[in-house]
Structures are given as structure tokens and as C-alpha cells.
Amino acid sequence: SRILKPILDFTAYQPEELYTQILRHDYTK
């Protein structure tokens, strides 16, 4: 159906954790 490229796996309980974890990857490339 789709070919996906996994980039992150993490645990997050709060919005701040989610925001910080998402920034671990460089999307600007």
C-alpha cells in the first residue's frame, strides 16, 4: 500500500516530551 521510512521510536506521555522527541530527527534534509 505504501513504502514508509521509519525514523523514530520513543515513549511519550506529555506534549512536551512528544515535542522534544520529534526534534531528534532532522526533517530539513
PDB file of all heavy atoms in Angstrom:
ATOM      1  N   SER A   1       0.832  -1.207   0.000  1.00  0.00           N
ATOM      2  CA  SER A   1       0.000   0.000   0.000  1.00  0.00           C
ATOM      3  C   SER A   1       0.864   1.254   0.000  1.00  0.00           C
ATOM      4  O   SER A   1       0.584   2.225  -0.691  1.00  0.00           O
ATOM      5  CB  SER A   1      -0.920   0.017   1.224  1.00  0.00           C
ATOM      6  OG  SER A   1      -1.767  -1.105   1.240  1.00  0.00           O
ATOM      7  N   ARG A   2       1.927   1.224   0.811  1.00  0.00           N
ATOM      8  CA  ARG A   2       2.888   2.330   0.891  1.00  0.00           C
ATOM      9  C   ARG A   2       4.253   1.771   1.261  1.00  0.00           C
ATOM     10  O   ARG A   2       4.353   0.724   1.886  1.00  0.00           O
ATOM     11  CB  ARG A   2       2.489   3.353   1.966  1.00  0.00           C
ATOM     12  CG  ARG A   2       1.220   4.107   1.704  1.00  0.00           C
ATOM     13  CD  ARG A   2       0.937   5.138   2.781  1.00  0.00           C
ATOM     14  NE  ARG A   2      -0.345   5.791   2.542  1.00  0.00           N
ATOM     15  CZ  ARG A   2      -0.521   6.797   1.693  1.00  0.00           C
ATOM     16  NH1 ARG A   2       0.517   7.280   1.037  1.00  0.00           N
ATOM     17  NH2 ARG A   2      -1.717   7.330   1.506  1.00  0.00           N
ATOM     18  N   ILE A   3       5.286   2.516   0.889  1.00  0.00           N
ATOM     19  CA  ILE A   3       6.640   2.236   1.360  1.00  0.00           C
ATOM     20  C   ILE A   3       7.021   3.381   2.299  1.00  0.00           C
ATOM     21  O   ILE A   3       7.140   4.534   1.874  1.00  0.00           O
ATOM     22  CB  ILE A   3       7.658   2.137   0.204  1.00  0.00           C
ATOM     23  CG1 ILE A   3       7.173   1.142  -0.862  1.00  0.00           C
ATOM     24  CG2 ILE A   3       9.028   1.734   0.755  1.00  0.00           C
ATOM     25  CD1 ILE A   3       6.989  -0.283  -0.388  1.00  0.00           C
ATOM     26  N   LEU A   4       7.163   3.049   3.567  1.00  0.00           N
ATOM     27  CA  LEU A   4       7.484   4.041   4.596  1.00  0.00           C
ATOM     28  C   LEU A   4       8.933   3.907   5.033  1.00  0.00           C
ATOM     29  O   LEU A   4       9.504   2.810   4.998  1.00  0.00           O
ATOM     30  CB  LEU A   4       6.573   3.874   5.813  1.00  0.00           C
ATOM     31  CG  LEU A   4       5.061   3.974   5.565  1.00  0.00           C
ATOM     32  CD1 LEU A   4       4.304   3.647   6.837  1.00  0.00           C
ATOM     33  CD2 LEU A   4       4.686   5.359   5.063  1.00  0.00           C
ATOM     34  N   LYS A   5       9.522   5.017   5.470  1.00  0.00           N
ATOM     35  CA  LYS A   5      10.879   5.018   6.020  1.00  0.00           C
ATOM     36  C   LYS A   5      10.772   5.343   7.515  1.00  0.00           C
ATOM     37  O   LYS A   5      10.554   6.487   7.905  1.00  0.00           O
ATOM     38  CB  LYS A   5      11.733   6.081   5.315  1.00  0.00           C
ATOM     39  CG  LYS A   5      13.128   6.266   5.933  1.00  0.00           C
ATOM     40  CD  LYS A   5      14.013   5.075   5.629  1.00  0.00           C
ATOM     41  CE  LYS A   5      15.380   5.208   6.275  1.00  0.00           C
ATOM     42  NZ  LYS A   5      15.360   5.013   7.746  1.00  0.00           N
ATOM     43  N   PRO A   6      10.879   4.308   8.393  1.00  0.00           N
ATOM     44  CA  PRO A   6      10.826   4.578   9.837  1.00  0.00           C
ATOM     45  C   PRO A   6      11.993   5.471  10.262  1.00  0.00           C
ATOM     46  O   PRO A   6      13.128   5.276   9.817  1.00  0.00           O
ATOM     47  CB  PRO A   6      10.954   3.179  10.455  1.00  0.00           C
ATOM     48  CG  PRO A   6      10.540   2.229   9.373  1.00  0.00           C
ATOM     49  CD  PRO A   6      10.999   2.875   8.098  1.00  0.00           C
ATOM     50  N   ILE A   7      11.688   6.461  11.121  1.00  0.00           N
ATOM     51  CA  ILE A   7      12.750   7.383  11.544  1.00  0.00           C
ATOM     52  C   ILE A   7      12.879   7.506  13.059  1.00  0.00           C
ATOM     53  O   ILE A   7      13.958   7.814  13.559  1.00  0.00           O
ATOM     54  CB  ILE A   7      12.560   8.798  10.934  1.00  0.00           C
ATOM     55  CG1 ILE A   7      11.185   9.368  11.278  1.00  0.00           C
ATOM     56  CG2 ILE A   7      12.766   8.757   9.423  1.00  0.00           C
ATOM     57  CD1 ILE A   7      10.978  10.814  10.840  1.00  0.00           C
ATOM     58  N   LEU A   8      11.791   7.270  13.809  1.00  0.00           N
ATOM     59  CA  LEU A   8      11.852   7.438  15.266  1.00  0.00           C
ATOM     60  C   LEU A   8      10.950   6.432  15.976  1.00  0.00           C
ATOM     61  O   LEU A   8       9.854   6.117  15.487  1.00  0.00           O
ATOM     62  CB  LEU A   8      11.396   8.850  15.672  1.00  0.00           C
ATOM     63  CG  LEU A   8      12.302  10.047  15.365  1.00  0.00           C
ATOM     64  CD1 LEU A   8      11.550  11.339  15.679  1.00  0.00           C
ATOM     65  CD2 LEU A   8      13.607   9.970  16.154  1.00  0.00           C
ATOM     66  N   ASP A   9      11.411   5.959  17.119  1.00  0.00           N
ATOM     67  CA  ASP A   9      10.601   5.179  18.050  1.00  0.00           C
ATOM     68  C   ASP A   9      10.863   5.726  19.442  1.00  0.00           C
ATOM     69  O   ASP A   9      12.024   5.829  19.860  1.00  0.00           O
ATOM     70  CB  ASP A   9      10.977   3.692  18.012  1.00  0.00           C
ATOM     71  CG  ASP A   9      10.555   3.027  16.717  1.00  0.00           C
ATOM     72  OD1 ASP A   9       9.346   2.922  16.482  1.00  0.00           O
ATOM     73  OD2 ASP A   9      11.447   2.602  15.952  1.00  0.00           O
ATOM     74  N   PHE A  10       9.808   6.073  20.154  1.00  0.00           N
ATOM     75  CA  PHE A  10      10.011   6.624  21.503  1.00  0.00           C
ATOM     76  C   PHE A  10       8.728   6.513  22.314  1.00  0.00           C
ATOM     77  O   PHE A  10       7.638   6.268  21.771  1.00  0.00           O
ATOM     78  CB  PHE A  10      10.452   8.089  21.425  1.00  0.00           C
ATOM     79  CG  PHE A  10       9.507   8.997  20.682  1.00  0.00           C
ATOM     80  CD1 PHE A  10       8.392   9.548  21.321  1.00  0.00           C
ATOM     81  CD2 PHE A  10       9.718   9.308  19.339  1.00  0.00           C
ATOM     82  CE1 PHE A  10       7.514  10.377  20.642  1.00  0.00           C
ATOM     83  CE2 PHE A  10       8.838  10.140  18.654  1.00  0.00           C
ATOM     84  CZ  PHE A  10       7.734  10.671  19.313  1.00  0.00           C
ATOM     85  N   THR A  11       8.860   6.710  23.612  1.00  0.00           N
ATOM     86  CA  THR A  11       7.718   6.756  24.519  1.00  0.00           C
ATOM     87  C   THR A  11       7.480   8.196  24.942  1.00  0.00           C
ATOM     88  O   THR A  11       8.424   8.927  25.239  1.00  0.00           O
ATOM     89  CB  THR A  11       7.987   5.897  25.776  1.00  0.00           C
ATOM     90  OG1 THR A  11       8.275   4.563  25.367  1.00  0.00           O
ATOM     91  CG2 THR A  11       6.777   5.893  26.699  1.00  0.00           C
ATOM     92  N   ALA A  12       6.217   8.621  24.941  1.00  0.00           N
ATOM     93  CA  ALA A  12       5.876   9.981  25.369  1.00  0.00           C
ATOM     94  C   ALA A  12       4.513   9.977  26.041  1.00  0.00           C
ATOM     95  O   ALA A  12       3.569   9.359  25.529  1.00  0.00           O
ATOM     96  CB  ALA A  12       5.883  10.940  24.183  1.00  0.00           C
ATOM     97  N   TYR A  13       4.460  10.650  27.188  1.00  0.00           N
ATOM     98  CA  TYR A  13       3.210  10.760  27.941  1.00  0.00           C
ATOM     99  C   TYR A  13       2.654  12.178  27.930  1.00  0.00           C
ATOM    100  O   TYR A  13       1.458  12.372  28.097  1.00  0.00           O
ATOM    101  CB  TYR A  13       3.429  10.322  29.403  1.00  0.00           C
ATOM    102  CG  TYR A  13       3.849   8.878  29.550  1.00  0.00           C
ATOM    103  CD1 TYR A  13       5.196   8.524  29.553  1.00  0.00           C
ATOM    104  CD2 TYR A  13       2.892   7.876  29.682  1.00  0.00           C
ATOM    105  CE1 TYR A  13       5.584   7.203  29.684  1.00  0.00           C
ATOM    106  CE2 TYR A  13       3.274   6.544  29.821  1.00  0.00           C
ATOM    107  CZ  TYR A  13       4.627   6.208  29.819  1.00  0.00           C
ATOM    108  OH  TYR A  13       5.003   4.902  29.952  1.00  0.00           O
ATOM    109  N   GLN A  14       3.528  13.158  27.765  1.00  0.00           N
ATOM    110  CA  GLN A  14       3.143  14.554  27.830  1.00  0.00           C
ATOM    111  C   GLN A  14       3.482  15.270  26.518  1.00  0.00           C
ATOM    112  O   GLN A  14       4.408  14.863  25.810  1.00  0.00           O
ATOM    113  CB  GLN A  14       3.877  15.263  28.991  1.00  0.00           C
ATOM    114  CG  GLN A  14       3.619  14.665  30.353  1.00  0.00           C
ATOM    115  CD  GLN A  14       2.180  14.806  30.799  1.00  0.00           C
ATOM    116  OE1 GLN A  14       1.462  15.707  30.346  1.00  0.00           O
ATOM    117  NE2 GLN A  14       1.734  13.923  31.698  1.00  0.00           N
ATOM    118  N   PRO A  15       2.757  16.347  26.199  1.00  0.00           N
ATOM    119  CA  PRO A  15       3.026  17.101  24.964  1.00  0.00           C
ATOM    120  C   PRO A  15       4.470  17.586  24.850  1.00  0.00           C
ATOM    121  O   PRO A  15       5.054  17.555  23.757  1.00  0.00           O
ATOM    122  CB  PRO A  15       2.056  18.281  25.054  1.00  0.00           C
ATOM    123  CG  PRO A  15       0.946  17.787  25.924  1.00  0.00           C
ATOM    124  CD  PRO A  15       1.571  16.870  26.914  1.00  0.00           C
ATOM    125  N   GLU A  16       5.059  17.989  25.966  1.00  0.00           N
ATOM    126  CA  GLU A  16       6.438  18.490  25.935  1.00  0.00           C
ATOM    127  C   GLU A  16       7.412  17.371  25.548  1.00  0.00           C
ATOM    128  O   GLU A  16       8.373  17.601  24.796  1.00  0.00           O
ATOM    129  CB  GLU A  16       6.824  19.078  27.290  1.00  0.00           C
ATOM    130  CG  GLU A  16       6.062  20.340  27.674  1.00  0.00           C
ATOM    131  CD  GLU A  16       4.613  20.051  28.100  1.00  0.00           C
ATOM    132  OE1 GLU A  16       4.312  18.873  28.462  1.00  0.00           O
ATOM    133  OE2 GLU A  16       3.785  20.974  28.046  1.00  0.00           O
ATOM    134  N   GLU A  17       7.165  16.169  26.080  1.00  0.00           N
ATOM    135  CA  GLU A  17       8.005  15.017  25.701  1.00  0.00           C
ATOM    136  C   GLU A  17       7.882  14.738  24.207  1.00  0.00           C
ATOM    137  O   GLU A  17       8.873  14.478  23.520  1.00  0.00           O
ATOM    138  CB  GLU A  17       7.565  13.763  26.468  1.00  0.00           C
ATOM    139  CG  GLU A  17       7.861  13.731  27.941  1.00  0.00           C
ATOM    140  CD  GLU A  17       7.325  12.445  28.539  1.00  0.00           C
ATOM    141  OE1 GLU A  17       6.128  12.378  28.849  1.00  0.00           O
ATOM    142  OE2 GLU A  17       8.127  11.494  28.690  1.00  0.00           O
ATOM    143  N   LEU A  18       6.658  14.764  23.714  1.00  0.00           N
ATOM    144  CA  LEU A  18       6.407  14.499  22.294  1.00  0.00           C
ATOM    145  C   LEU A  18       7.154  15.509  21.432  1.00  0.00           C
ATOM    146  O   LEU A  18       7.848  15.130  20.474  1.00  0.00           O
ATOM    147  CB  LEU A  18       4.906  14.568  22.030  1.00  0.00           C
ATOM    148  CG  LEU A  18       4.439  14.411  20.578  1.00  0.00           C
ATOM    149  CD1 LEU A  18       4.836  13.051  20.021  1.00  0.00           C
ATOM    150  CD2 LEU A  18       2.926  14.611  20.474  1.00  0.00           C
ATOM    151  N   TYR A  19       7.036  16.788  21.757  1.00  0.00           N
ATOM    152  CA  TYR A  19       7.691  17.854  21.001  1.00  0.00           C
ATOM    153  C   TYR A  19       9.204  17.638  20.971  1.00  0.00           C
ATOM    154  O   TYR A  19       9.837  17.690  19.900  1.00  0.00           O
ATOM    155  CB  TYR A  19       7.354  19.203  21.652  1.00  0.00           C
ATOM    156  CG  TYR A  19       7.938  20.404  20.955  1.00  0.00           C
ATOM    157  CD1 TYR A  19       7.213  21.097  19.998  1.00  0.00           C
ATOM    158  CD2 TYR A  19       9.221  20.865  21.272  1.00  0.00           C
ATOM    159  CE1 TYR A  19       7.743  22.221  19.363  1.00  0.00           C
ATOM    160  CE2 TYR A  19       9.756  21.978  20.638  1.00  0.00           C
ATOM    161  CZ  TYR A  19       9.017  22.647  19.689  1.00  0.00           C
ATOM    162  OH  TYR A  19       9.546  23.749  19.063  1.00  0.00           O
ATOM    163  N   THR A  20       9.792  17.345  22.116  1.00  0.00           N
ATOM    164  CA  THR A  20      11.249  17.160  22.213  1.00  0.00           C
ATOM    165  C   THR A  20      11.714  15.940  21.430  1.00  0.00           C
ATOM    166  O   THR A  20      12.738  15.978  20.731  1.00  0.00           O
ATOM    167  CB  THR A  20      11.669  17.023  23.688  1.00  0.00           C
ATOM    168  OG1 THR A  20      11.250  18.193  24.399  1.00  0.00           O
ATOM    169  CG2 THR A  20      13.170  16.865  23.814  1.00  0.00           C
ATOM    170  N   GLN A  21      10.961  14.848  21.535  1.00  0.00           N
ATOM    171  CA  GLN A  21      11.341  13.612  20.840  1.00  0.00           C
ATOM    172  C   GLN A  21      11.279  13.770  19.325  1.00  0.00           C
ATOM    173  O   GLN A  21      12.143  13.266  18.599  1.00  0.00           O
ATOM    174  CB  GLN A  21      10.434  12.460  21.295  1.00  0.00           C
ATOM    175  CG  GLN A  21      10.641  12.015  22.727  1.00  0.00           C
ATOM    176  CD  GLN A  21      11.901  11.182  22.903  1.00  0.00           C
ATOM    177  OE1 GLN A  21      12.655  10.930  21.954  1.00  0.00           O
ATOM    178  NE2 GLN A  21      12.148  10.734  24.127  1.00  0.00           N
ATOM    179  N   ILE A  22      10.273  14.480  18.855  1.00  0.00           N
ATOM    180  CA  ILE A  22      10.136  14.694  17.403  1.00  0.00           C
ATOM    181  C   ILE A  22      11.348  15.440  16.853  1.00  0.00           C
ATOM    182  O   ILE A  22      11.821  15.180  15.737  1.00  0.00           O
ATOM    183  CB  ILE A  22       8.832  15.457  17.088  1.00  0.00           C
ATOM    184  CG1 ILE A  22       7.619  14.551  17.328  1.00  0.00           C
ATOM    185  CG2 ILE A  22       8.824  15.985  15.658  1.00  0.00           C
ATOM    186  CD1 ILE A  22       7.506  13.356  16.388  1.00  0.00           C
ATOM    187  N   LEU A  23      11.906  16.349  17.647  1.00  0.00           N
ATOM    188  CA  LEU A  23      13.060  17.147  17.211  1.00  0.00           C
ATOM    189  C   LEU A  23      14.357  16.352  17.126  1.00  0.00           C
ATOM    190  O   LEU A  23      15.373  16.877  16.655  1.00  0.00           O
ATOM    191  CB  LEU A  23      13.251  18.334  18.162  1.00  0.00           C
ATOM    192  CG  LEU A  23      12.211  19.465  18.030  1.00  0.00           C
ATOM    193  CD1 LEU A  23      12.423  20.511  19.114  1.00  0.00           C
ATOM    194  CD2 LEU A  23      12.289  20.104  16.645  1.00  0.00           C
ATOM    195  N   ARG A  24      14.344  15.100  17.558  1.00  0.00           N
ATOM    196  CA  ARG A  24      15.559  14.277  17.459  1.00  0.00           C
ATOM    197  C   ARG A  24      15.932  13.987  16.014  1.00  0.00           C
ATOM    198  O   ARG A  24      17.066  13.588  15.727  1.00  0.00           O
ATOM    199  CB  ARG A  24      15.370  12.949  18.215  1.00  0.00           C
ATOM    200  CG  ARG A  24      15.422  13.081  19.739  1.00  0.00           C
ATOM    201  CD  ARG A  24      14.974  11.785  20.427  1.00  0.00           C
ATOM    202  NE  ARG A  24      15.557  10.609  19.782  1.00  0.00           N
ATOM    203  CZ  ARG A  24      14.980   9.398  19.732  1.00  0.00           C
ATOM    204  NH1 ARG A  24      13.795   9.223  20.275  1.00  0.00           N
ATOM    205  NH2 ARG A  24      15.575   8.403  19.131  1.00  0.00           N
ATOM    206  N   HIS A  25      14.997  14.120  15.106  1.00  0.00           N
ATOM    207  CA  HIS A  25      15.265  13.833  13.686  1.00  0.00           C
ATOM    208  C   HIS A  25      15.352  15.136  12.898  1.00  0.00           C
ATOM    209  O   HIS A  25      14.642  16.097  13.183  1.00  0.00           O
ATOM    210  CB  HIS A  25      14.158  12.948  13.105  1.00  0.00           C
ATOM    211  CG  HIS A  25      14.465  12.422  11.742  1.00  0.00           C
ATOM    212  ND1 HIS A  25      15.331  11.378  11.519  1.00  0.00           N
ATOM    213  CD2 HIS A  25      14.028  12.821  10.518  1.00  0.00           C
ATOM    214  CE1 HIS A  25      15.406  11.139  10.221  1.00  0.00           C
ATOM    215  NE2 HIS A  25      14.636  12.000   9.585  1.00  0.00           N
ATOM    216  N   ASP A  26      16.218  15.154  11.877  1.00  0.00           N
ATOM    217  CA  ASP A  26      16.393  16.337  11.032  1.00  0.00           C
ATOM    218  C   ASP A  26      15.495  16.241   9.805  1.00  0.00           C
ATOM    219  O   ASP A  26      15.767  15.478   8.873  1.00  0.00           O
ATOM    220  CB  ASP A  26      17.860  16.460  10.606  1.00  0.00           C
ATOM    221  CG  ASP A  26      18.108  17.680   9.719  1.00  0.00           C
ATOM    222  OD1 ASP A  26      17.201  18.539   9.623  1.00  0.00           O
ATOM    223  OD2 ASP A  26      19.204  17.766   9.129  1.00  0.00           O
ATOM    224  N   TYR A  27      14.405  16.991   9.796  1.00  0.00           N
ATOM    225  CA  TYR A  27      13.465  16.975   8.681  1.00  0.00           C
ATOM    226  C   TYR A  27      13.891  17.917   7.560  1.00  0.00           C
ATOM    227  O   TYR A  27      13.390  17.822   6.435  1.00  0.00           O
ATOM    228  CB  TYR A  27      12.058  17.360   9.180  1.00  0.00           C
ATOM    229  CG  TYR A  27      11.601  16.478  10.305  1.00  0.00           C
ATOM    230  CD1 TYR A  27      11.863  16.833  11.630  1.00  0.00           C
ATOM    231  CD2 TYR A  27      10.959  15.270  10.068  1.00  0.00           C
ATOM    232  CE1 TYR A  27      11.484  16.014  12.683  1.00  0.00           C
ATOM    233  CE2 TYR A  27      10.580  14.441  11.118  1.00  0.00           C
ATOM    234  CZ  TYR A  27      10.857  14.820  12.419  1.00  0.00           C
ATOM    235  OH  TYR A  27      10.502  13.992  13.446  1.00  0.00           O
ATOM    236  N   THR A  28      14.820  18.804   7.867  1.00  0.00           N
ATOM    237  CA  THR A  28      15.238  19.793   6.872  1.00  0.00           C
ATOM    238  C   THR A  28      16.080  19.184   5.755  1.00  0.00           C
ATOM    239  O   THR A  28      16.325  19.839   4.750  1.00  0.00           O
ATOM    240  CB  THR A  28      16.046  20.930   7.531  1.00  0.00           C
ATOM    241  OG1 THR A  28      17.288  20.414   8.034  1.00  0.00           O
ATOM    242  CG2 THR A  28      15.263  21.564   8.664  1.00  0.00           C
ATOM    243  N   LYS A  29      16.499  17.917   5.927  1.00  0.00           N
ATOM    244  CA  LYS A  29      17.310  17.293   4.883  1.00  0.00           C
ATOM    245  C   LYS A  29      16.460  16.753   3.728  1.00  0.00           C
ATOM    246  O   LYS A  29      16.994  16.355   2.690  1.00  0.00           O
ATOM    247  CB  LYS A  29      18.162  16.169   5.464  1.00  0.00           C
ATOM    248  CG  LYS A  29      17.382  14.988   6.023  1.00  0.00           C
ATOM    249  CD  LYS A  29      18.330  13.981   6.664  1.00  0.00           C
ATOM    250  CE  LYS A  29      17.595  12.791   7.255  1.00  0.00           C
ATOM    251  NZ  LYS A  29      18.513  11.841   7.912  1.00  0.00           N
TER     252      LYS A  29
END
